Amino acid sequence: MKKDEIDEIRPEYRREDLGPGVRGKYLEAYRAGTNLVLLSPDVARAFPTEEAVNDALRSLIEVAQRSVAPKKRSGRQPKTTQS
């Protein structure tokens, strides 16, 4: 092929023009950069978009962090009653 033919998009390609296919060639790179989970059907109905799932999980993280975070002390001692 000539250089100017390579730069053009052809209307049709033959399988031989594409080279040998390699199954799983990019699998490791894909897994390293992606975290996919399969939602159960009932969960998917409640959270139909990626954004909805992420918002819900961020809210859950925030609640969980507040519930386990040590309580701030005011510096005052609790009042005790004297007899």
N, C-alpha and C. Protein backbone atom coordinates (compact mmCIF):
# COMPACT_ATOMS: atom_id res chain seq x y z
N MET A 1 0.82 -1.19 0.00
CA MET A 1 0.00 0.00 0.00
C MET A 1 0.86 1.24 0.00
N LYS A 2 0.37 2.25 -0.64
CA LYS A 2 1.07 3.53 -0.66
C LYS A 2 0.72 4.31 0.59
N LYS A 3 1.55 5.27 0.95
CA LYS A 3 1.34 6.09 2.15
C LYS A 3 -0.01 6.78 2.14
N ASP A 4 -0.43 7.36 1.03
CA ASP A 4 -1.70 8.10 0.99
C ASP A 4 -2.90 7.15 1.11
N GLU A 5 -2.73 5.89 0.75
CA GLU A 5 -3.82 4.92 0.91
C GLU A 5 -3.99 4.52 2.38
N ILE A 6 -2.90 4.50 3.14
CA ILE A 6 -2.95 4.11 4.54
C ILE A 6 -3.72 5.16 5.36
N ASP A 7 -3.60 6.43 5.03
CA ASP A 7 -4.23 7.50 5.80
C ASP A 7 -5.73 7.63 5.53
N GLU A 8 -6.24 6.95 4.52
CA GLU A 8 -7.65 7.06 4.20
C GLU A 8 -8.45 5.95 4.87
N ILE A 9 -9.69 6.28 5.19
CA ILE A 9 -10.59 5.27 5.73
C ILE A 9 -11.29 4.60 4.55
N ARG A 10 -11.18 3.30 4.52
CA ARG A 10 -11.81 2.56 3.43
C ARG A 10 -13.26 2.27 3.75
N PRO A 11 -14.10 2.15 2.76
CA PRO A 11 -15.51 1.84 3.01
C PRO A 11 -15.72 0.42 3.53
N GLU A 12 -14.77 -0.45 3.29
CA GLU A 12 -14.91 -1.83 3.71
C GLU A 12 -13.52 -2.40 4.01
N TYR A 13 -13.45 -3.23 5.03
CA TYR A 13 -12.18 -3.87 5.39
C TYR A 13 -12.36 -5.38 5.30
N ARG A 14 -11.29 -6.06 4.90
CA ARG A 14 -11.28 -7.51 4.92
C ARG A 14 -10.64 -7.96 6.23
N ARG A 15 -11.01 -9.11 6.69
CA ARG A 15 -10.46 -9.64 7.94
C ARG A 15 -8.94 -9.73 7.89
N GLU A 16 -8.41 -10.06 6.77
CA GLU A 16 -6.96 -10.19 6.62
C GLU A 16 -6.24 -8.86 6.83
N ASP A 17 -6.94 -7.75 6.55
CA ASP A 17 -6.33 -6.43 6.69
C ASP A 17 -6.13 -6.04 8.16
N LEU A 18 -6.83 -6.71 9.05
CA LEU A 18 -6.81 -6.32 10.46
C LEU A 18 -5.75 -7.05 11.27
N GLY A 19 -5.13 -8.06 10.72
CA GLY A 19 -4.11 -8.80 11.44
C GLY A 19 -4.72 -9.86 12.33
N PRO A 20 -3.87 -10.62 13.01
CA PRO A 20 -4.39 -11.71 13.85
C PRO A 20 -5.02 -11.15 15.13
N GLY A 21 -6.12 -11.72 15.51
CA GLY A 21 -6.75 -11.32 16.77
C GLY A 21 -6.12 -12.08 17.92
N VAL A 22 -5.93 -11.40 19.03
CA VAL A 22 -5.34 -12.04 20.21
C VAL A 22 -6.34 -11.92 21.34
N ARG A 23 -6.88 -13.04 21.77
CA ARG A 23 -7.89 -13.04 22.83
C ARG A 23 -7.25 -12.65 24.16
N GLY A 24 -7.86 -11.67 24.84
CA GLY A 24 -7.39 -11.26 26.15
C GLY A 24 -6.14 -10.40 26.14
N LYS A 25 -5.79 -9.83 25.02
CA LYS A 25 -4.56 -9.07 24.88
C LYS A 25 -4.48 -7.92 25.89
N TYR A 26 -5.57 -7.25 26.15
CA TYR A 26 -5.57 -6.09 27.04
C TYR A 26 -6.27 -6.37 28.37
N LEU A 27 -6.53 -7.62 28.67
CA LEU A 27 -7.30 -7.98 29.85
C LEU A 27 -6.64 -7.50 31.15
N GLU A 28 -5.38 -7.74 31.34
CA GLU A 28 -4.70 -7.35 32.57
C GLU A 28 -4.70 -5.83 32.75
N ALA A 29 -4.43 -5.09 31.69
CA ALA A 29 -4.45 -3.63 31.78
C ALA A 29 -5.85 -3.13 32.10
N TYR A 30 -6.85 -3.76 31.52
CA TYR A 30 -8.24 -3.39 31.77
C TYR A 30 -8.61 -3.63 33.23
N ARG A 31 -8.26 -4.79 33.75
CA ARG A 31 -8.58 -5.11 35.14
C ARG A 31 -7.84 -4.20 36.11
N ALA A 32 -6.62 -3.84 35.78
CA ALA A 32 -5.85 -2.98 36.67
C ALA A 32 -6.45 -1.59 36.78
N GLY A 33 -7.08 -1.11 35.72
CA GLY A 33 -7.61 0.24 35.73
C GLY A 33 -9.11 0.32 35.87
N THR A 34 -9.77 -0.79 36.16
CA THR A 34 -11.23 -0.81 36.21
C THR A 34 -11.69 -1.60 37.43
N ASN A 35 -12.76 -1.12 38.02
CA ASN A 35 -13.36 -1.83 39.14
C ASN A 35 -14.84 -1.98 38.83
N LEU A 36 -15.20 -3.08 38.24
CA LEU A 36 -16.59 -3.32 37.88
C LEU A 36 -17.22 -4.27 38.89
N VAL A 37 -18.47 -4.02 39.21
CA VAL A 37 -19.22 -4.93 40.06
C VAL A 37 -20.56 -5.20 39.41
N LEU A 38 -21.10 -6.37 39.66
CA LEU A 38 -22.39 -6.73 39.13
C LEU A 38 -23.44 -6.51 40.21
N LEU A 39 -24.41 -5.65 39.92
CA LEU A 39 -25.47 -5.37 40.88
C LEU A 39 -26.58 -6.40 40.74
N SER A 40 -27.15 -6.78 41.86
CA SER A 40 -28.33 -7.65 41.82
C SER A 40 -29.46 -6.86 41.17
N PRO A 41 -30.39 -7.54 40.53
CA PRO A 41 -31.48 -6.86 39.82
C PRO A 41 -32.27 -5.88 40.69
N ASP A 42 -32.54 -6.24 41.94
CA ASP A 42 -33.30 -5.33 42.81
C ASP A 42 -32.50 -4.07 43.14
N VAL A 43 -31.20 -4.21 43.30
CA VAL A 43 -30.34 -3.05 43.57
C VAL A 43 -30.25 -2.18 42.32
N ALA A 44 -30.12 -2.80 41.17
CA ALA A 44 -30.03 -2.05 39.91
C ALA A 44 -31.30 -1.24 39.65
N ARG A 45 -32.45 -1.76 40.06
CA ARG A 45 -33.70 -0.99 39.89
C ARG A 45 -33.70 0.23 40.79
N ALA A 46 -33.15 0.11 41.98
CA ALA A 46 -33.11 1.23 42.93
C ALA A 46 -32.07 2.27 42.52
N PHE A 47 -31.00 1.84 41.89
CA PHE A 47 -29.92 2.74 41.49
C PHE A 47 -29.62 2.51 40.01
N PRO A 48 -30.40 3.12 39.13
CA PRO A 48 -30.32 2.82 37.70
C PRO A 48 -29.11 3.39 36.96
N THR A 49 -28.39 4.33 37.59
CA THR A 49 -27.24 4.92 36.90
C THR A 49 -25.98 4.79 37.74
N GLU A 50 -24.85 4.92 37.09
CA GLU A 50 -23.56 4.91 37.78
C GLU A 50 -23.50 6.02 38.82
N GLU A 51 -24.01 7.18 38.45
CA GLU A 51 -24.00 8.33 39.35
C GLU A 51 -24.84 8.05 40.60
N ALA A 52 -25.99 7.42 40.44
CA ALA A 52 -26.85 7.10 41.58
C ALA A 52 -26.17 6.14 42.54
N VAL A 53 -25.48 5.16 42.00
CA VAL A 53 -24.76 4.19 42.84
C VAL A 53 -23.64 4.89 43.59
N ASN A 54 -22.86 5.70 42.89
CA ASN A 54 -21.74 6.40 43.53
C ASN A 54 -22.22 7.37 44.60
N ASP A 55 -23.29 8.11 44.35
CA ASP A 55 -23.83 9.03 45.35
C ASP A 55 -24.28 8.29 46.60
N ALA A 56 -24.98 7.17 46.41
CA ALA A 56 -25.45 6.39 47.54
C ALA A 56 -24.27 5.84 48.35
N LEU A 57 -23.27 5.34 47.67
CA LEU A 57 -22.11 4.78 48.38
C LEU A 57 -21.33 5.87 49.11
N ARG A 58 -21.20 7.05 48.50
CA ARG A 58 -20.51 8.15 49.18
C ARG A 58 -21.27 8.57 50.43
N SER A 59 -22.59 8.60 50.35
CA SER A 59 -23.40 8.93 51.53
C SER A 59 -23.20 7.89 52.62
N LEU A 60 -23.17 6.63 52.25
CA LEU A 60 -22.97 5.56 53.21
C LEU A 60 -21.59 5.67 53.87
N ILE A 61 -20.58 5.99 53.08
CA ILE A 61 -19.23 6.16 53.62
C ILE A 61 -19.21 7.29 54.64
N GLU A 62 -19.87 8.39 54.31
CA GLU A 62 -19.91 9.55 55.20
C GLU A 62 -20.59 9.19 56.53
N VAL A 63 -21.72 8.50 56.46
CA VAL A 63 -22.43 8.09 57.67
C VAL A 63 -21.56 7.14 58.49
N ALA A 64 -20.93 6.20 57.83
CA ALA A 64 -20.10 5.22 58.54
C ALA A 64 -18.92 5.90 59.21
N GLN A 65 -18.31 6.86 58.55
CA GLN A 65 -17.16 7.55 59.14
C GLN A 65 -17.59 8.39 60.34
N ARG A 66 -18.76 9.00 60.28
CA ARG A 66 -19.24 9.79 61.41
C ARG A 66 -19.58 8.90 62.59
N SER A 67 -20.08 7.71 62.33
CA SER A 67 -20.51 6.85 63.42
C SER A 67 -19.34 6.19 64.14
N VAL A 68 -18.20 6.06 63.51
CA VAL A 68 -17.05 5.43 64.15
C VAL A 68 -15.98 6.43 64.54
N ALA A 69 -16.12 7.67 64.14
CA ALA A 69 -15.12 8.69 64.47
C ALA A 69 -15.19 8.98 65.97
N PRO A 70 -14.04 9.19 66.60
CA PRO A 70 -14.07 9.51 68.03
C PRO A 70 -14.81 10.83 68.26
N LYS A 71 -15.60 10.85 69.32
CA LYS A 71 -16.36 12.05 69.63
C LYS A 71 -15.42 13.12 70.15
N LYS A 72 -15.69 14.35 69.73
CA LYS A 72 -14.87 15.47 70.20
C LYS A 72 -15.24 15.79 71.64
N ARG A 73 -14.23 16.06 72.41
CA ARG A 73 -14.48 16.43 73.80
C ARG A 73 -14.49 17.94 73.90
N SER A 74 -15.40 18.46 74.69
CA SER A 74 -15.54 19.91 74.81
C SER A 74 -14.53 20.50 75.76
N GLY A 75 -13.85 19.68 76.53
CA GLY A 75 -12.88 20.20 77.48
C GLY A 75 -13.49 20.43 78.86
N ARG A 76 -14.80 20.38 78.95
CA ARG A 76 -15.48 20.56 80.23
C ARG A 76 -15.69 19.19 80.88
N GLN A 77 -15.62 19.18 82.16
CA GLN A 77 -15.89 17.96 82.90
C GLN A 77 -17.39 17.85 83.13
N PRO A 78 -17.92 16.66 83.11
CA PRO A 78 -19.35 16.51 83.37
C PRO A 78 -19.69 16.96 84.79
N LYS A 79 -20.86 17.54 84.94
CA LYS A 79 -21.29 18.00 86.26
C LYS A 79 -21.63 16.81 87.13
N THR A 80 -21.21 16.89 88.37
CA THR A 80 -21.55 15.85 89.33
C THR A 80 -22.36 16.48 90.44
N THR A 81 -23.25 15.72 90.96
CA THR A 81 -24.05 16.24 92.08
C THR A 81 -23.38 15.89 93.39
N GLN A 82 -23.38 16.85 94.31
CA GLN A 82 -22.79 16.61 95.61
C GLN A 82 -23.90 16.38 96.63
N SER A 83 -23.66 15.50 97.60
CA SER A 83 -24.67 15.21 98.62
C SER A 83 -24.52 16.10 99.81
